Amino acid sequence: LLITFPAASQMFLWEKMRLPIGATFCILTLHFGQWMNRVFNFYYWAWFPVNFTTPGLMIPSAIFLDVMLMMTGSYMFTALFGGMGWSLLFYPSNWVWLAPFHLAAKHPSGPLMS
């Protein structure tokens, strides 16, 4: 479901204005909406730590999808190769913000636990 809205906005911007930035624009607005949801609903309203509600980073995947449309100009090849690149880039692009959670934690009792 996550790739359908960027693909639809990409098709609209490509057909009407020949701009290959539809997926990136859609993901940036989606990230802004998710940020507002997490800050206002989780942090201000429920006092829940925001770092436990971090959304997945999808901007590199959206850029790859837009680049595939710009290079091929075909919706079929963009769907095949861009969709595959979308899924393959999702996990590695999240390594940046997941790295602090993969470190060992020192507990007050003394031993180093990981």
PDB file of N, CA and C in Angstrom:
ATOM      1  N   LEU A   1       0.819  -1.189   0.000  1.00  0.00           N
ATOM      2  CA  LEU A   1       0.000   0.000   0.000  1.00  0.00           C
ATOM      3  C   LEU A   1       0.869   1.262   0.000  1.00  0.00           C
ATOM      4  N   LEU A   2       2.085   1.152   0.514  1.00  0.00           N
ATOM      5  CA  LEU A   2       2.937   2.326   0.635  1.00  0.00           C
ATOM      6  C   LEU A   2       3.405   2.853  -0.717  1.00  0.00           C
ATOM      7  N   ILE A   3       3.510   1.992  -1.708  1.00  0.00           N
ATOM      8  CA  ILE A   3       4.013   2.425  -3.003  1.00  0.00           C
ATOM      9  C   ILE A   3       2.890   2.928  -3.920  1.00  0.00           C
ATOM     10  N   THR A   4       1.624   2.691  -3.580  1.00  0.00           N
ATOM     11  CA  THR A   4       0.536   3.060  -4.490  1.00  0.00           C
ATOM     12  C   THR A   4       0.339   4.566  -4.584  1.00  0.00           C
ATOM     13  N   PHE A   5       0.377   5.273  -3.462  1.00  0.00           N
ATOM     14  CA  PHE A   5       0.191   6.726  -3.516  1.00  0.00           C
ATOM     15  C   PHE A   5       1.348   7.440  -4.210  1.00  0.00           C
ATOM     16  N   PRO A   6       2.616   7.084  -3.935  1.00  0.00           N
ATOM     17  CA  PRO A   6       3.695   7.706  -4.717  1.00  0.00           C
ATOM     18  C   PRO A   6       3.612   7.386  -6.201  1.00  0.00           C
ATOM     19  N   ALA A   7       3.206   6.172  -6.554  1.00  0.00           N
ATOM     20  CA  ALA A   7       3.091   5.822  -7.968  1.00  0.00           C
ATOM     21  C   ALA A   7       1.972   6.610  -8.641  1.00  0.00           C
ATOM     22  N   ALA A   8       0.860   6.812  -7.940  1.00  0.00           N
ATOM     23  CA  ALA A   8      -0.247   7.581  -8.521  1.00  0.00           C
ATOM     24  C   ALA A   8       0.132   9.051  -8.683  1.00  0.00           C
ATOM     25  N   SER A   9       0.786   9.627  -7.694  1.00  0.00           N
ATOM     26  CA  SER A   9       1.196  11.033  -7.829  1.00  0.00           C
ATOM     27  C   SER A   9       2.295  11.177  -8.870  1.00  0.00           C
ATOM     28  N   GLN A  10       3.144  10.158  -9.003  1.00  0.00           N
ATOM     29  CA  GLN A  10       4.177  10.188 -10.030  1.00  0.00           C
ATOM     30  C   GLN A  10       3.550  10.159 -11.423  1.00  0.00           C
ATOM     31  N   MET A  11       2.527   9.344 -11.610  1.00  0.00           N
ATOM     32  CA  MET A  11       1.851   9.277 -12.903  1.00  0.00           C
ATOM     33  C   MET A  11       1.176  10.600 -13.235  1.00  0.00           C
ATOM     34  N   PHE A  12       0.550  11.225 -12.242  1.00  0.00           N
ATOM     35  CA  PHE A  12      -0.128  12.496 -12.486  1.00  0.00           C
ATOM     36  C   PHE A  12       0.869  13.586 -12.871  1.00  0.00           C
ATOM     37  N   LEU A  13       1.940  13.724 -12.103  1.00  0.00           N
ATOM     38  CA  LEU A  13       2.913  14.776 -12.412  1.00  0.00           C
ATOM     39  C   LEU A  13       3.661  14.500 -13.709  1.00  0.00           C
ATOM     40  N   TRP A  14       3.869  13.228 -14.060  1.00  0.00           N
ATOM     41  CA  TRP A  14       4.574  12.914 -15.296  1.00  0.00           C
ATOM     42  C   TRP A  14       3.681  13.158 -16.511  1.00  0.00           C
ATOM     43  N   GLU A  15       2.409  12.786 -16.430  1.00  0.00           N
ATOM     44  CA  GLU A  15       1.505  12.960 -17.568  1.00  0.00           C
ATOM     45  C   GLU A  15       1.139  14.423 -17.794  1.00  0.00           C
ATOM     46  N   LYS A  16       0.879  15.154 -16.731  1.00  0.00           N
ATOM     47  CA  LYS A  16       0.390  16.527 -16.874  1.00  0.00           C
ATOM     48  C   LYS A  16       1.512  17.545 -17.042  1.00  0.00           C
ATOM     49  N   MET A  17       2.625  17.377 -16.312  1.00  0.00           N
ATOM     50  CA  MET A  17       3.665  18.410 -16.310  1.00  0.00           C
ATOM     51  C   MET A  17       5.044  17.915 -16.706  1.00  0.00           C
ATOM     52  N   ARG A  18       5.207  16.638 -16.971  1.00  0.00           N
ATOM     53  CA  ARG A  18       6.497  16.025 -17.304  1.00  0.00           C
ATOM     54  C   ARG A  18       7.555  16.276 -16.235  1.00  0.00           C
ATOM     55  N   LEU A  19       7.132  16.222 -14.986  1.00  0.00           N
ATOM     56  CA  LEU A  19       8.050  16.358 -13.855  1.00  0.00           C
ATOM     57  C   LEU A  19       8.250  14.987 -13.217  1.00  0.00           C
ATOM     58  N   PRO A  20       9.471  14.478 -13.187  1.00  0.00           N
ATOM     59  CA  PRO A  20       9.690  13.156 -12.588  1.00  0.00           C
ATOM     60  C   PRO A  20       9.954  13.227 -11.087  1.00  0.00           C
ATOM     61  N   ILE A  21       9.149  14.000 -10.361  1.00  0.00           N
ATOM     62  CA  ILE A  21       9.361  14.155  -8.919  1.00  0.00           C
ATOM     63  C   ILE A  21       8.109  13.795  -8.129  1.00  0.00           C
ATOM     64  N   GLY A  22       7.192  13.074  -8.731  1.00  0.00           N
ATOM     65  CA  GLY A  22       5.924  12.781  -8.068  1.00  0.00           C
ATOM     66  C   GLY A  22       6.063  11.918  -6.839  1.00  0.00           C
ATOM     67  N   ALA A  23       6.859  10.853  -6.923  1.00  0.00           N
ATOM     68  CA  ALA A  23       7.015   9.958  -5.777  1.00  0.00           C
ATOM     69  C   ALA A  23       7.748  10.658  -4.639  1.00  0.00           C
ATOM     70  N   THR A  24       8.776  11.421  -4.963  1.00  0.00           N
ATOM     71  CA  THR A  24       9.531  12.124  -3.921  1.00  0.00           C
ATOM     72  C   THR A  24       8.666  13.176  -3.245  1.00  0.00           C
ATOM     73  N   PHE A  25       7.881  13.907  -4.014  1.00  0.00           N
ATOM     74  CA  PHE A  25       6.989  14.912  -3.434  1.00  0.00           C
ATOM     75  C   PHE A  25       5.950  14.261  -2.526  1.00  0.00           C
ATOM     76  N   CYS A  26       5.395  13.143  -2.967  1.00  0.00           N
ATOM     77  CA  CYS A  26       4.390  12.445  -2.157  1.00  0.00           C
ATOM     78  C   CYS A  26       4.994  11.920  -0.860  1.00  0.00           C
ATOM     79  N   ILE A  27       6.199  11.373  -0.920  1.00  0.00           N
ATOM     80  CA  ILE A  27       6.838  10.838   0.283  1.00  0.00           C
ATOM     81  C   ILE A  27       7.238  11.962   1.227  1.00  0.00           C
ATOM     82  N   LEU A  28       7.682  13.101   0.706  1.00  0.00           N
ATOM     83  CA  LEU A  28       8.021  14.225   1.587  1.00  0.00           C
ATOM     84  C   LEU A  28       6.788  14.739   2.321  1.00  0.00           C
ATOM     85  N   THR A  29       5.658  14.830   1.633  1.00  0.00           N
ATOM     86  CA  THR A  29       4.435  15.255   2.319  1.00  0.00           C
ATOM     87  C   THR A  29       3.958  14.186   3.301  1.00  0.00           C
ATOM     88  N   LEU A  30       4.158  12.911   2.960  1.00  0.00           N
ATOM     89  CA  LEU A  30       3.803  11.835   3.888  1.00  0.00           C
ATOM     90  C   LEU A  30       4.676  11.881   5.142  1.00  0.00           C
ATOM     91  N   HIS A  31       5.978  12.132   4.976  1.00  0.00           N
ATOM     92  CA  HIS A  31       6.869  12.252   6.136  1.00  0.00           C
ATOM     93  C   HIS A  31       6.492  13.446   7.005  1.00  0.00           C
ATOM     94  N   PHE A  32       6.106  14.546   6.377  1.00  0.00           N
ATOM     95  CA  PHE A  32       5.687  15.712   7.159  1.00  0.00           C
ATOM     96  C   PHE A  32       4.430  15.396   7.971  1.00  0.00           C
ATOM     97  N   GLY A  33       3.473  14.709   7.350  1.00  0.00           N
ATOM     98  CA  GLY A  33       2.267  14.321   8.075  1.00  0.00           C
ATOM     99  C   GLY A  33       2.550  13.334   9.189  1.00  0.00           C
ATOM    100  N   GLN A  34       3.466  12.394   8.954  1.00  0.00           N
ATOM    101  CA  GLN A  34       3.832  11.455  10.010  1.00  0.00           C
ATOM    102  C   GLN A  34       4.554  12.166  11.148  1.00  0.00           C
ATOM    103  N   TRP A  35       5.395  13.122  10.818  1.00  0.00           N
ATOM    104  CA  TRP A  35       6.089  13.883  11.860  1.00  0.00           C
ATOM    105  C   TRP A  35       5.082  14.653  12.716  1.00  0.00           C
ATOM    106  N   MET A  36       4.115  15.306  12.073  1.00  0.00           N
ATOM    107  CA  MET A  36       3.092  16.024  12.837  1.00  0.00           C
ATOM    108  C   MET A  36       2.300  15.063  13.716  1.00  0.00           C
ATOM    109  N   ASN A  37       1.951  13.900  13.200  1.00  0.00           N
ATOM    110  CA  ASN A  37       1.210  12.918  13.984  1.00  0.00           C
ATOM    111  C   ASN A  37       2.009  12.470  15.198  1.00  0.00           C
ATOM    112  N   ARG A  38       3.268  12.177  15.006  1.00  0.00           N
ATOM    113  CA  ARG A  38       4.070  11.673  16.113  1.00  0.00           C
ATOM    114  C   ARG A  38       4.337  12.739  17.161  1.00  0.00           C
ATOM    115  N   VAL A  39       4.594  13.949  16.744  1.00  0.00           N
ATOM    116  CA  VAL A  39       4.887  14.998  17.721  1.00  0.00           C
ATOM    117  C   VAL A  39       3.629  15.398  18.477  1.00  0.00           C
ATOM    118  N   PHE A  40       2.561  15.707  17.775  1.00  0.00           N
ATOM    119  CA  PHE A  40       1.371  16.217  18.443  1.00  0.00           C
ATOM    120  C   PHE A  40       0.589  15.125  19.171  1.00  0.00           C
ATOM    121  N   ASN A  41       0.431  13.958  18.551  1.00  0.00           N
ATOM    122  CA  ASN A  41      -0.388  12.916  19.178  1.00  0.00           C
ATOM    123  C   ASN A  41       0.369  12.101  20.214  1.00  0.00           C
ATOM    124  N   PHE A  42       1.585  11.700  19.891  1.00  0.00           N
ATOM    125  CA  PHE A  42       2.311  10.843  20.824  1.00  0.00           C
ATOM    126  C   PHE A  42       3.024  11.655  21.894  1.00  0.00           C
ATOM    127  N   TYR A  43       3.735  12.715  21.490  1.00  0.00           N
ATOM    128  CA  TYR A  43       4.567  13.420  22.463  1.00  0.00           C
ATOM    129  C   TYR A  43       3.761  14.419  23.294  1.00  0.00           C
ATOM    130  N   TYR A  44       3.045  15.322  22.629  1.00  0.00           N
ATOM    131  CA  TYR A  44       2.320  16.355  23.370  1.00  0.00           C
ATOM    132  C   TYR A  44       1.076  15.818  24.075  1.00  0.00           C
ATOM    133  N   TRP A  45       0.384  14.877  23.432  1.00  0.00           N
ATOM    134  CA  TRP A  45      -0.876  14.424  23.996  1.00  0.00           C
ATOM    135  C   TRP A  45      -0.692  13.255  24.962  1.00  0.00           C
ATOM    136  N   ALA A  46       0.100  12.247  24.590  1.00  0.00           N
ATOM    137  CA  ALA A  46       0.223  11.043  25.411  1.00  0.00           C
ATOM    138  C   ALA A  46       1.546  10.954  26.165  1.00  0.00           C
ATOM    139  N   TRP A  47       2.454  11.893  25.951  1.00  0.00           N
ATOM    140  CA  TRP A  47       3.780  11.903  26.589  1.00  0.00           C
ATOM    141  C   TRP A  47       4.532  10.603  26.335  1.00  0.00           C
ATOM    142  N   PHE A  48       4.432  10.110  25.118  1.00  0.00           N
ATOM    143  CA  PHE A  48       5.117   8.884  24.716  1.00  0.00           C
ATOM    144  C   PHE A  48       6.422   9.281  24.044  1.00  0.00           C
ATOM    145  N   PRO A  49       7.539   8.602  24.305  1.00  0.00           N
ATOM    146  CA  PRO A  49       8.817   8.994  23.689  1.00  0.00           C
ATOM    147  C   PRO A  49       8.765   8.921  22.169  1.00  0.00           C
ATOM    148  N   VAL A  50       9.212   9.974  21.515  1.00  0.00           N
ATOM    149  CA  VAL A  50       9.110  10.052  20.060  1.00  0.00           C
ATOM    150  C   VAL A  50      10.062   9.062  19.394  1.00  0.00           C
ATOM    151  N   ASN A  51      11.189   8.739  20.029  1.00  0.00           N
ATOM    152  CA  ASN A  51      12.120   7.823  19.370  1.00  0.00           C
ATOM    153  C   ASN A  51      11.576   6.396  19.294  1.00  0.00           C
ATOM    154  N   PHE A  52      10.506   6.079  20.011  1.00  0.00           N
ATOM    155  CA  PHE A  52       9.875   4.772  19.874  1.00  0.00           C
ATOM    156  C   PHE A  52       8.873   4.743  18.721  1.00  0.00           C
ATOM    157  N   THR A  53       8.572   5.872  18.122  1.00  0.00           N
ATOM    158  CA  THR A  53       7.564   5.950  17.065  1.00  0.00           C
ATOM    159  C   THR A  53       8.141   6.486  15.762  1.00  0.00           C
ATOM    160  N   THR A  54       9.417   6.263  15.526  1.00  0.00           N
ATOM    161  CA  THR A  54      10.071   6.809  14.337  1.00  0.00           C
ATOM    162  C   THR A  54       9.554   6.114  13.083  1.00  0.00           C
ATOM    163  N   PRO A  55       9.175   6.861  12.057  1.00  0.00           N
ATOM    164  CA  PRO A  55       8.695   6.228  10.826  1.00  0.00           C
ATOM    165  C   PRO A  55       9.857   5.709   9.986  1.00  0.00           C
ATOM    166  N   GLY A  56       9.551   4.817   9.077  1.00  0.00           N
ATOM    167  CA  GLY A  56      10.567   4.327   8.157  1.00  0.00           C
ATOM    168  C   GLY A  56      10.937   5.403   7.151  1.00  0.00           C
ATOM    169  N   LEU A  57      12.203   5.468   6.810  1.00  0.00           N
ATOM    170  CA  LEU A  57      12.686   6.469   5.864  1.00  0.00           C
ATOM    171  C   LEU A  57      12.498   5.942   4.447  1.00  0.00           C
ATOM    172  N   MET A  58      11.699   6.647   3.652  1.00  0.00           N
ATOM    173  CA  MET A  58      11.367   6.179   2.313  1.00  0.00           C
ATOM    174  C   MET A  58      11.858   7.111   1.217  1.00  0.00           C
ATOM    175  N   ILE A  59      12.587   8.164   1.565  1.00  0.00           N
ATOM    176  CA  ILE A  59      13.004   9.151   0.570  1.00  0.00           C
ATOM    177  C   ILE A  59      13.970   8.558  -0.460  1.00  0.00           C
ATOM    178  N   PRO A  60      15.001   7.773  -0.075  1.00  0.00           N
ATOM    179  CA  PRO A  60      15.860   7.180  -1.117  1.00  0.00           C
ATOM    180  C   PRO A  60      15.099   6.260  -2.065  1.00  0.00           C
ATOM    181  N   SER A  61      14.133   5.531  -1.562  1.00  0.00           N
ATOM    182  CA  SER A  61      13.334   4.660  -2.429  1.00  0.00           C
ATOM    183  C   SER A  61      12.504   5.472  -3.412  1.00  0.00           C
ATOM    184  N   ALA A  62      11.943   6.589  -2.952  1.00  0.00           N
ATOM    185  CA  ALA A  62      11.147   7.439  -3.841  1.00  0.00           C
ATOM    186  C   ALA A  62      12.023   8.103  -4.897  1.00  0.00           C
ATOM    187  N   ILE A  63      13.220   8.511  -4.516  1.00  0.00           N
ATOM    188  CA  ILE A  63      14.143   9.099  -5.497  1.00  0.00           C
ATOM    189  C   ILE A  63      14.507   8.059  -6.548  1.00  0.00           C
ATOM    190  N   PHE A  64      14.739   6.823  -6.122  1.00  0.00           N
ATOM    191  CA  PHE A  64      15.045   5.756  -7.074  1.00  0.00           C
ATOM    192  C   PHE A  64      13.876   5.516  -8.019  1.00  0.00           C
ATOM    193  N   LEU A  65      12.657   5.552  -7.514  1.00  0.00           N
ATOM    194  CA  LEU A  65      11.477   5.363  -8.357  1.00  0.00           C
ATOM    195  C   LEU A  65      11.361   6.488  -9.386  1.00  0.00           C
ATOM    196  N   ASP A  66      11.616   7.723  -8.969  1.00  0.00           N
ATOM    197  CA  ASP A  66      11.571   8.850  -9.902  1.00  0.00           C
ATOM    198  C   ASP A  66      12.685   8.769 -10.938  1.00  0.00           C
ATOM    199  N   VAL A  67      13.868   8.341 -10.527  1.00  0.00           N
ATOM    200  CA  VAL A  67      14.981   8.210 -11.474  1.00  0.00           C
ATOM    201  C   VAL A  67      14.689   7.120 -12.497  1.00  0.00           C
ATOM    202  N   MET A  68      14.062   6.041 -12.073  1.00  0.00           N
ATOM    203  CA  MET A  68      13.705   4.984 -13.021  1.00  0.00           C
ATOM    204  C   MET A  68      12.706   5.485 -14.060  1.00  0.00           C
ATOM    205  N   LEU A  69      11.732   6.288 -13.642  1.00  0.00           N
ATOM    206  CA  LEU A  69      10.782   6.842 -14.611  1.00  0.00           C
ATOM    207  C   LEU A  69      11.480   7.810 -15.552  1.00  0.00           C
ATOM    208  N   MET A  70      12.395   8.608 -15.020  1.00  0.00           N
ATOM    209  CA  MET A  70      13.096   9.575 -15.858  1.00  0.00           C
ATOM    210  C   MET A  70      14.009   8.863 -16.861  1.00  0.00           C
ATOM    211  N   MET A  71      14.654   7.785 -16.448  1.00  0.00           N
ATOM    212  CA  MET A  71      15.572   7.082 -17.347  1.00  0.00           C
ATOM    213  C   MET A  71      14.844   6.238 -18.385  1.00  0.00           C
ATOM    214  N   THR A  72      13.789   5.546 -17.989  1.00  0.00           N
ATOM    215  CA  THR A  72      13.120   4.652 -18.931  1.00  0.00           C
ATOM    216  C   THR A  72      11.990   5.339 -19.685  1.00  0.00           C
ATOM    217  N   GLY A  73      11.231   6.201 -19.023  1.00  0.00           N
ATOM    218  CA  GLY A  73      10.077   6.830 -19.656  1.00  0.00           C
ATOM    219  C   GLY A  73       8.901   5.887 -19.823  1.00  0.00           C
ATOM    220  N   SER A  74       8.998   4.691 -19.290  1.00  0.00           N
ATOM    221  CA  SER A  74       7.959   3.677 -19.426  1.00  0.00           C
ATOM    222  C   SER A  74       7.394   3.342 -18.056  1.00  0.00           C
ATOM    223  N   TYR A  75       6.068   3.270 -17.989  1.00  0.00           N
ATOM    224  CA  TYR A  75       5.439   2.909 -16.720  1.00  0.00           C
ATOM    225  C   TYR A  75       5.690   1.443 -16.369  1.00  0.00           C
ATOM    226  N   MET A  76       5.767   0.584 -17.385  1.00  0.00           N
ATOM    227  CA  MET A  76       5.964  -0.834 -17.120  1.00  0.00           C
ATOM    228  C   MET A  76       7.347  -1.097 -16.519  1.00  0.00           C
ATOM    229  N   PHE A  77       8.396  -0.540 -17.124  1.00  0.00           N
ATOM    230  CA  PHE A  77       9.743  -0.751 -16.590  1.00  0.00           C
ATOM    231  C   PHE A  77       9.930  -0.041 -15.256  1.00  0.00           C
ATOM    232  N   THR A  78       9.247   1.089 -15.091  1.00  0.00           N
ATOM    233  CA  THR A  78       9.310   1.772 -13.795  1.00  0.00           C
ATOM    234  C   THR A  78       8.645   0.930 -12.720  1.00  0.00           C
ATOM    235  N   ALA A  79       7.523   0.300 -13.060  1.00  0.00           N
ATOM    236  CA  ALA A  79       6.853  -0.554 -12.077  1.00  0.00           C
ATOM    237  C   ALA A  79       7.689  -1.781 -11.746  1.00  0.00           C
ATOM    238  N   LEU A  80       8.316  -2.388 -12.755  1.00  0.00           N
ATOM    239  CA  LEU A  80       9.105  -3.595 -12.508  1.00  0.00           C
ATOM    240  C   LEU A  80      10.388  -3.295 -11.743  1.00  0.00           C
ATOM    241  N   PHE A  81      11.215  -2.427 -12.313  1.00  0.00           N
ATOM    242  CA  PHE A  81      12.527  -2.175 -11.715  1.00  0.00           C
ATOM    243  C   PHE A  81      12.464  -1.159 -10.582  1.00  0.00           C
ATOM    244  N   GLY A  82      11.600  -0.173 -10.703  1.00  0.00           N
ATOM    245  CA  GLY A  82      11.459   0.803  -9.626  1.00  0.00           C
ATOM    246  C   GLY A  82      10.826   0.210  -8.387  1.00  0.00           C
ATOM    247  N   GLY A  83       9.840  -0.669  -8.575  1.00  0.00           N
ATOM    248  CA  GLY A  83       9.236  -1.344  -7.426  1.00  0.00           C
ATOM    249  C   GLY A  83      10.203  -2.279  -6.736  1.00  0.00           C
ATOM    250  N   MET A  84      11.038  -2.952  -7.529  1.00  0.00           N
ATOM    251  CA  MET A  84      12.050  -3.816  -6.934  1.00  0.00           C
ATOM    252  C   MET A  84      13.088  -2.984  -6.178  1.00  0.00           C
ATOM    253  N   GLY A  85      13.508  -1.872  -6.768  1.00  0.00           N
ATOM    254  CA  GLY A  85      14.463  -0.998  -6.084  1.00  0.00           C
ATOM    255  C   GLY A  85      13.874  -0.360  -4.842  1.00  0.00           C
ATOM    256  N   TRP A  86      12.579  -0.058  -4.888  1.00  0.00           N
ATOM    257  CA  TRP A  86      11.890   0.506  -3.717  1.00  0.00           C
ATOM    258  C   TRP A  86      12.022  -0.436  -2.528  1.00  0.00           C
ATOM    259  N   SER A  87      11.721  -1.696  -2.754  1.00  0.00           N
ATOM    260  CA  SER A  87      11.768  -2.653  -1.643  1.00  0.00           C
ATOM    261  C   SER A  87      13.195  -2.976  -1.227  1.00  0.00           C
ATOM    262  N   LEU A  88      14.132  -3.009  -2.160  1.00  0.00           N
ATOM    263  CA  LEU A  88      15.517  -3.326  -1.808  1.00  0.00           C
ATOM    264  C   LEU A  88      16.216  -2.176  -1.095  1.00  0.00           C
ATOM    265  N   LEU A  89      15.796  -0.940  -1.325  1.00  0.00           N
ATOM    266  CA  LEU A  89      16.427   0.211  -0.675  1.00  0.00           C
ATOM    267  C   LEU A  89      15.792   0.573   0.656  1.00  0.00           C
ATOM    268  N   PHE A  90      14.642   0.005   0.977  1.00  0.00           N
ATOM    269  CA  PHE A  90      13.941   0.423   2.195  1.00  0.00           C
ATOM    270  C   PHE A  90      14.726   0.085   3.458  1.00  0.00           C
ATOM    271  N   TYR A  91      15.185  -1.147   3.589  1.00  0.00           N
ATOM    272  CA  TYR A  91      15.890  -1.533   4.818  1.00  0.00           C
ATOM    273  C   TYR A  91      17.260  -0.860   4.945  1.00  0.00           C
ATOM    274  N   PRO A  92      18.109  -0.833   3.901  1.00  0.00           N
ATOM    275  CA  PRO A  92      19.407  -0.161   4.071  1.00  0.00           C
ATOM    276  C   PRO A  92      19.294   1.340   4.322  1.00  0.00           C
ATOM    277  N   SER A  93      18.270   1.985   3.816  1.00  0.00           N
ATOM    278  CA  SER A  93      18.140   3.426   4.066  1.00  0.00           C
ATOM    279  C   SER A  93      17.741   3.722   5.503  1.00  0.00           C
ATOM    280  N   ASN A  94      17.227   2.742   6.224  1.00  0.00           N
ATOM    281  CA  ASN A  94      16.868   2.933   7.629  1.00  0.00           C
ATOM    282  C   ASN A  94      17.995   2.587   8.586  1.00  0.00           C
ATOM    283  N   TRP A  95      19.145   2.127   8.090  1.00  0.00           N
ATOM    284  CA  TRP A  95      20.264   1.792   8.960  1.00  0.00           C
ATOM    285  C   TRP A  95      20.783   3.008   9.708  1.00  0.00           C
ATOM    286  N   VAL A  96      20.656   4.182   9.133  1.00  0.00           N
ATOM    287  CA  VAL A  96      21.213   5.388   9.755  1.00  0.00           C
ATOM    288  C   VAL A  96      20.547   5.672  11.090  1.00  0.00           C
ATOM    289  N   TRP A  97      19.242   5.618  11.150  1.00  0.00           N
ATOM    290  CA  TRP A  97      18.580   5.919  12.424  1.00  0.00           C
ATOM    291  C   TRP A  97      18.400   4.680  13.296  1.00  0.00           C
ATOM    292  N   LEU A  98      18.608   3.485  12.745  1.00  0.00           N
ATOM    293  CA  LEU A  98      18.544   2.280  13.567  1.00  0.00           C
ATOM    294  C   LEU A  98      19.867   1.957  14.252  1.00  0.00           C
ATOM    295  N   ALA A  99      20.965   2.558  13.817  1.00  0.00           N
ATOM    296  CA  ALA A  99      22.288   2.232  14.353  1.00  0.00           C
ATOM    297  C   ALA A  99      22.411   2.458  15.858  1.00  0.00           C
ATOM    298  N   PRO A 100      21.891   3.547  16.445  1.00  0.00           N
ATOM    299  CA  PRO A 100      22.040   3.697  17.899  1.00  0.00           C
ATOM    300  C   PRO A 100      21.341   2.613  18.705  1.00  0.00           C
ATOM    301  N   PHE A 101      20.332   1.977  18.137  1.00  0.00           N
ATOM    302  CA  PHE A 101      19.627   0.928  18.864  1.00  0.00           C
ATOM    303  C   PHE A 101      20.351  -0.414  18.802  1.00  0.00           C
ATOM    304  N   HIS A 102      21.378  -0.537  17.953  1.00  0.00           N
ATOM    305  CA  HIS A 102      22.130  -1.779  17.836  1.00  0.00           C
ATOM    306  C   HIS A 102      23.383  -1.787  18.695  1.00  0.00           C
ATOM    307  N   LEU A 103      23.599  -0.761  19.500  1.00  0.00           N
ATOM    308  CA  LEU A 103      24.765  -0.700  20.371  1.00  0.00           C
ATOM    309  C   LEU A 103      24.493  -1.439  21.673  1.00  0.00           C
ATOM    310  N   ALA A 104      25.560  -1.845  22.308  1.00  0.00           N
ATOM    311  CA  ALA A 104      25.416  -2.513  23.596  1.00  0.00           C
ATOM    312  C   ALA A 104      24.988  -1.502  24.649  1.00  0.00           C
ATOM    313  N   ALA A 105      24.188  -1.947  25.585  1.00  0.00           N
ATOM    314  CA  ALA A 105      23.692  -1.070  26.645  1.00  0.00           C
ATOM    315  C   ALA A 105      24.314  -1.477  27.972  1.00  0.00           C
ATOM    316  N   LYS A 106      24.804  -0.500  28.717  1.00  0.00           N
ATOM    317  CA  LYS A 106      25.377  -0.785  30.026  1.00  0.00           C
ATOM    318  C   LYS A 106      24.283  -0.607  31.071  1.00  0.00           C
ATOM    319  N   HIS A 107      24.031  -1.657  31.798  1.00  0.00           N
ATOM    320  CA  HIS A 107      22.997  -1.629  32.817  1.00  0.00           C
ATOM    321  C   HIS A 107      23.584  -1.198  34.151  1.00  0.00           C
ATOM    322  N   PRO A 108      22.759  -0.663  35.043  1.00  0.00           N
ATOM    323  CA  PRO A 108      23.275  -0.198  36.342  1.00  0.00           C
ATOM    324  C   PRO A 108      23.908  -1.303  37.185  1.00  0.00           C
ATOM    325  N   SER A 109      23.573  -2.560  36.912  1.00  0.00           N
ATOM    326  CA  SER A 109      24.139  -3.639  37.723  1.00  0.00           C
ATOM    327  C   SER A 109      25.604  -3.900  37.407  1.00  0.00           C
ATOM    328  N   GLY A 110      26.104  -3.386  36.295  1.00  0.00           N
ATOM    329  CA  GLY A 110      27.522  -3.493  36.016  1.00  0.00           C
ATOM    330  C   GLY A 110      27.902  -4.202  34.736  1.00  0.00           C
ATOM    331  N   PRO A 111      27.396  -5.378  34.421  1.00  0.00           N
ATOM    332  CA  PRO A 111      27.880  -6.071  33.221  1.00  0.00           C
ATOM    333  C   PRO A 111      27.345  -5.420  31.948  1.00  0.00           C
ATOM    334  N   LEU A 112      28.097  -5.595  30.899  1.00  0.00           N
ATOM    335  CA  LEU A 112      27.718  -5.042  29.600  1.00  0.00           C
ATOM    336  C   LEU A 112      26.817  -6.045  28.894  1.00  0.00           C
ATOM    337  N   MET A 113      25.609  -5.642  28.607  1.00  0.00           N
ATOM    338  CA  MET A 113      24.643  -6.526  27.961  1.00  0.00           C
ATOM    339  C   MET A 113      24.364  -6.006  26.555  1.00  0.00           C
ATOM    340  N   SER A 114      24.193  -6.896  25.611  1.00  0.00           N
ATOM    341  CA  SER A 114      23.861  -6.460  24.263  1.00  0.00           C
ATOM    342  C   SER A 114      22.631  -7.179  23.764  1.00  0.00           C
TER     343      SER A 114
END
